[in-house]
C-alpha cells in the first residue's frame, strides 16, 4: 500500500508541475493545496493540507528545507521528500 501512496504522490508532483495553472481543477483538497503552494511559492497553502505527512512535504518543498522531511512519519514519503533536494 505504501508503494501505491508514494507512486500517487510522485505522479501528483509531476502533474502539479505540468498543470500548475490548473490547480483549481484538482478535486482532492490536499493535492490542490499542495499544487497551489508550489505554484505560488507560499507556505500558507501548506497549512490548509489535512494530512500531516503531506503538509510537511509541502512545507519542505516550498521553504526549501529538509527539516520538514524529518517530521514525516511515513518512511517512504520521508525518503521521497529528502531525495527531492
N, C-alpha and C. Protein backbone atom coordinates (compact mmCIF):
# COMPACT_ATOMS: atom_id res chain seq x y z
N UNK A 1 0.83 -1.21 0.00
CA UNK A 1 0.00 0.00 0.00
C UNK A 1 0.87 1.27 0.00
N UNK A 2 1.98 1.24 0.73
CA UNK A 2 2.84 2.42 0.80
C UNK A 2 3.43 2.75 -0.56
N UNK A 3 3.76 1.73 -1.36
CA UNK A 3 4.31 1.99 -2.69
C UNK A 3 3.28 2.68 -3.57
N UNK A 4 2.01 2.32 -3.38
CA UNK A 4 0.94 2.96 -4.15
C UNK A 4 0.83 4.43 -3.74
N UNK A 5 0.88 4.70 -2.44
CA UNK A 5 0.80 6.08 -1.96
C UNK A 5 1.97 6.91 -2.49
N UNK A 6 3.16 6.31 -2.49
CA UNK A 6 4.34 7.01 -2.99
C UNK A 6 4.21 7.28 -4.49
N UNK A 7 3.69 6.29 -5.22
CA UNK A 7 3.50 6.46 -6.66
C UNK A 7 2.49 7.56 -6.95
N UNK A 8 1.42 7.60 -6.15
CA UNK A 8 0.40 8.64 -6.33
C UNK A 8 0.99 10.01 -6.03
N UNK A 9 1.78 10.10 -4.95
CA UNK A 9 2.41 11.38 -4.60
C UNK A 9 3.37 11.83 -5.69
N UNK A 10 4.17 10.91 -6.19
CA UNK A 10 5.10 11.24 -7.27
C UNK A 10 4.36 11.67 -8.53
N UNK A 11 3.30 10.94 -8.86
CA UNK A 11 2.50 11.30 -10.04
C UNK A 11 1.88 12.67 -9.87
N UNK A 12 1.41 12.96 -8.66
CA UNK A 12 0.81 14.27 -8.41
C UNK A 12 1.83 15.39 -8.56
N UNK A 13 3.04 15.17 -8.00
CA UNK A 13 4.08 16.20 -8.10
C UNK A 13 4.39 16.49 -9.55
N UNK A 14 4.52 15.44 -10.36
CA UNK A 14 4.78 15.63 -11.78
C UNK A 14 3.60 16.33 -12.47
N UNK A 15 2.38 15.94 -12.10
CA UNK A 15 1.19 16.56 -12.67
C UNK A 15 1.11 18.03 -12.26
N UNK A 16 1.43 18.31 -11.00
CA UNK A 16 1.34 19.68 -10.50
C UNK A 16 2.30 20.60 -11.25
N UNK A 17 3.47 20.07 -11.60
CA UNK A 17 4.43 20.88 -12.35
C UNK A 17 3.90 21.20 -13.73
N UNK A 18 3.26 20.23 -14.37
CA UNK A 18 2.79 20.45 -15.74
C UNK A 18 1.45 21.16 -15.80
N UNK A 19 0.69 21.09 -14.72
CA UNK A 19 -0.66 21.67 -14.74
C UNK A 19 -0.81 22.74 -13.67
N UNK A 20 0.27 23.47 -13.40
CA UNK A 20 0.23 24.43 -12.30
C UNK A 20 -0.84 25.50 -12.48
N UNK A 21 -1.16 25.82 -13.71
CA UNK A 21 -2.19 26.83 -13.95
C UNK A 21 -3.58 26.28 -13.70
N UNK A 22 -3.69 24.97 -13.51
CA UNK A 22 -4.99 24.34 -13.34
C UNK A 22 -5.16 23.72 -11.96
N UNK A 23 -4.53 24.28 -10.94
CA UNK A 23 -4.63 23.71 -9.59
C UNK A 23 -6.08 23.61 -9.13
N UNK A 24 -6.88 24.59 -9.49
CA UNK A 24 -8.27 24.60 -9.03
C UNK A 24 -9.11 23.50 -9.68
N UNK A 25 -8.55 22.86 -10.71
CA UNK A 25 -9.27 21.77 -11.35
C UNK A 25 -9.06 20.45 -10.61
N UNK A 26 -8.14 20.43 -9.62
CA UNK A 26 -7.86 19.22 -8.85
C UNK A 26 -8.92 19.08 -7.77
N UNK A 27 -9.57 17.93 -7.70
CA UNK A 27 -10.68 17.73 -6.76
C UNK A 27 -10.22 17.47 -5.32
N UNK A 28 -9.14 16.75 -5.15
CA UNK A 28 -8.65 16.44 -3.80
C UNK A 28 -8.09 17.71 -3.17
N UNK A 29 -8.60 18.11 -2.01
CA UNK A 29 -8.20 19.39 -1.40
C UNK A 29 -6.73 19.41 -1.00
N UNK A 30 -6.20 18.28 -0.50
CA UNK A 30 -4.78 18.25 -0.13
C UNK A 30 -3.91 18.43 -1.36
N UNK A 31 -4.25 17.71 -2.42
CA UNK A 31 -3.47 17.80 -3.66
C UNK A 31 -3.58 19.20 -4.27
N UNK A 32 -4.77 19.76 -4.20
CA UNK A 32 -4.99 21.12 -4.73
C UNK A 32 -4.14 22.14 -3.97
N UNK A 33 -4.13 22.04 -2.64
CA UNK A 33 -3.37 22.99 -1.84
C UNK A 33 -1.87 22.80 -2.01
N UNK A 34 -1.42 21.56 -2.21
CA UNK A 34 -0.01 21.32 -2.49
C UNK A 34 0.36 21.97 -3.83
N UNK A 35 -0.49 21.81 -4.80
CA UNK A 35 -0.28 22.42 -6.11
C UNK A 35 -0.21 23.94 -5.98
N UNK A 36 -1.15 24.53 -5.28
CA UNK A 36 -1.19 25.98 -5.11
C UNK A 36 0.03 26.49 -4.35
N UNK A 37 0.45 25.74 -3.33
CA UNK A 37 1.62 26.14 -2.56
C UNK A 37 2.86 26.19 -3.44
N UNK A 38 3.01 25.17 -4.28
CA UNK A 38 4.18 25.13 -5.17
C UNK A 38 4.08 26.19 -6.25
N UNK A 39 2.88 26.40 -6.77
CA UNK A 39 2.69 27.39 -7.84
C UNK A 39 2.98 28.79 -7.34
N UNK A 40 2.51 29.11 -6.15
CA UNK A 40 2.64 30.46 -5.60
C UNK A 40 3.83 30.62 -4.66
N UNK A 41 4.58 29.52 -4.46
CA UNK A 41 5.69 29.51 -3.52
C UNK A 41 5.26 30.08 -2.17
N UNK A 42 4.11 29.60 -1.71
CA UNK A 42 3.53 30.11 -0.47
C UNK A 42 3.20 28.98 0.50
N UNK A 43 3.81 29.03 1.68
CA UNK A 43 3.56 28.01 2.70
C UNK A 43 2.15 28.11 3.27
N UNK A 44 1.46 29.22 3.03
CA UNK A 44 0.10 29.40 3.54
C UNK A 44 -0.79 28.24 3.10
N UNK A 45 -0.67 27.83 1.85
CA UNK A 45 -1.49 26.74 1.34
C UNK A 45 -1.13 25.42 2.01
N UNK A 46 0.13 25.26 2.41
CA UNK A 46 0.55 24.01 3.06
C UNK A 46 -0.24 23.78 4.35
N UNK A 47 -0.51 24.85 5.07
CA UNK A 47 -1.22 24.71 6.35
C UNK A 47 -2.69 24.34 6.16
N UNK A 48 -3.17 24.39 4.92
CA UNK A 48 -4.55 24.00 4.62
C UNK A 48 -4.65 22.52 4.26
N UNK A 49 -3.51 21.84 4.24
CA UNK A 49 -3.47 20.41 3.93
C UNK A 49 -3.77 19.62 5.20
N UNK A 50 -4.69 18.68 5.10
CA UNK A 50 -5.14 17.92 6.28
C UNK A 50 -4.16 16.83 6.71
N UNK A 51 -3.57 16.13 5.77
CA UNK A 51 -2.66 15.03 6.09
C UNK A 51 -1.31 15.61 6.55
N UNK A 52 -0.87 15.25 7.76
CA UNK A 52 0.35 15.83 8.34
C UNK A 52 1.59 15.53 7.50
N UNK A 53 1.69 14.31 6.97
CA UNK A 53 2.85 13.96 6.15
C UNK A 53 2.89 14.80 4.88
N UNK A 54 1.74 14.95 4.24
CA UNK A 54 1.68 15.78 3.03
C UNK A 54 1.95 17.25 3.35
N UNK A 55 1.47 17.69 4.51
CA UNK A 55 1.70 19.08 4.94
C UNK A 55 3.20 19.33 5.11
N UNK A 56 3.88 18.40 5.78
CA UNK A 56 5.31 18.57 6.00
C UNK A 56 6.10 18.47 4.70
N UNK A 57 5.65 17.61 3.78
CA UNK A 57 6.29 17.54 2.47
C UNK A 57 6.13 18.87 1.75
N UNK A 58 4.95 19.43 1.83
CA UNK A 58 4.66 20.72 1.22
C UNK A 58 5.55 21.80 1.80
N UNK A 59 5.64 21.85 3.13
CA UNK A 59 6.46 22.86 3.79
C UNK A 59 7.93 22.70 3.43
N UNK A 60 8.38 21.45 3.29
CA UNK A 60 9.77 21.20 2.92
C UNK A 60 10.06 21.75 1.53
N UNK A 61 9.18 21.47 0.59
CA UNK A 61 9.45 21.88 -0.79
C UNK A 61 9.27 23.38 -0.99
N UNK A 62 8.26 23.96 -0.35
CA UNK A 62 8.03 25.40 -0.52
C UNK A 62 9.11 26.22 0.19
N UNK A 63 9.51 25.77 1.37
CA UNK A 63 10.51 26.51 2.14
C UNK A 63 11.94 26.06 1.83
N UNK A 64 12.08 25.06 0.96
CA UNK A 64 13.39 24.54 0.59
C UNK A 64 14.18 24.14 1.84
N UNK A 65 13.50 23.40 2.72
CA UNK A 65 14.10 23.00 3.99
C UNK A 65 13.89 21.51 4.24
N UNK A 66 14.99 20.77 4.36
CA UNK A 66 14.91 19.34 4.63
C UNK A 66 14.39 19.06 6.04
N UNK A 67 14.43 20.03 6.91
CA UNK A 67 13.97 19.85 8.29
C UNK A 67 12.56 19.27 8.34
N UNK A 68 11.68 19.76 7.46
CA UNK A 68 10.31 19.28 7.45
C UNK A 68 10.22 17.83 6.98
N UNK A 69 11.17 17.39 6.15
CA UNK A 69 11.17 15.99 5.70
C UNK A 69 11.30 15.05 6.88
N UNK A 70 12.12 15.44 7.86
CA UNK A 70 12.35 14.58 9.03
C UNK A 70 11.13 14.52 9.94
N UNK A 71 10.17 15.39 9.73
CA UNK A 71 8.94 15.38 10.52
C UNK A 71 7.87 14.47 9.91
N UNK A 72 8.17 13.89 8.75
CA UNK A 72 7.23 12.99 8.08
C UNK A 72 7.33 11.61 8.71
N UNK A 73 6.21 11.05 9.10
CA UNK A 73 6.18 9.75 9.78
C UNK A 73 6.38 8.58 8.82
N UNK A 74 5.78 8.65 7.65
CA UNK A 74 5.87 7.57 6.67
C UNK A 74 7.28 7.56 6.06
N UNK A 75 8.01 6.46 6.25
CA UNK A 75 9.41 6.39 5.80
C UNK A 75 9.55 6.55 4.29
N UNK A 76 8.63 5.97 3.52
CA UNK A 76 8.70 6.11 2.06
C UNK A 76 8.55 7.57 1.65
N UNK A 77 7.58 8.25 2.26
CA UNK A 77 7.37 9.67 1.94
C UNK A 77 8.54 10.52 2.42
N UNK A 78 9.09 10.15 3.60
CA UNK A 78 10.25 10.89 4.12
C UNK A 78 11.43 10.78 3.16
N UNK A 79 11.70 9.57 2.70
CA UNK A 79 12.81 9.37 1.77
C UNK A 79 12.56 10.07 0.44
N UNK A 80 11.31 10.06 -0.01
CA UNK A 80 10.97 10.78 -1.24
C UNK A 80 11.21 12.28 -1.06
N UNK A 81 10.80 12.79 0.09
CA UNK A 81 10.99 14.20 0.41
C UNK A 81 12.48 14.54 0.40
N UNK A 82 13.28 13.75 1.08
CA UNK A 82 14.73 14.01 1.16
C UNK A 82 15.40 13.92 -0.21
N UNK A 83 14.92 13.01 -1.03
CA UNK A 83 15.53 12.85 -2.36
C UNK A 83 15.17 14.00 -3.31
N UNK A 84 14.19 14.82 -2.93
CA UNK A 84 13.80 15.94 -3.80
C UNK A 84 14.74 17.13 -3.65
N UNK A 85 15.70 17.01 -2.73
CA UNK A 85 16.67 18.11 -2.52
C UNK A 85 17.98 17.81 -3.22
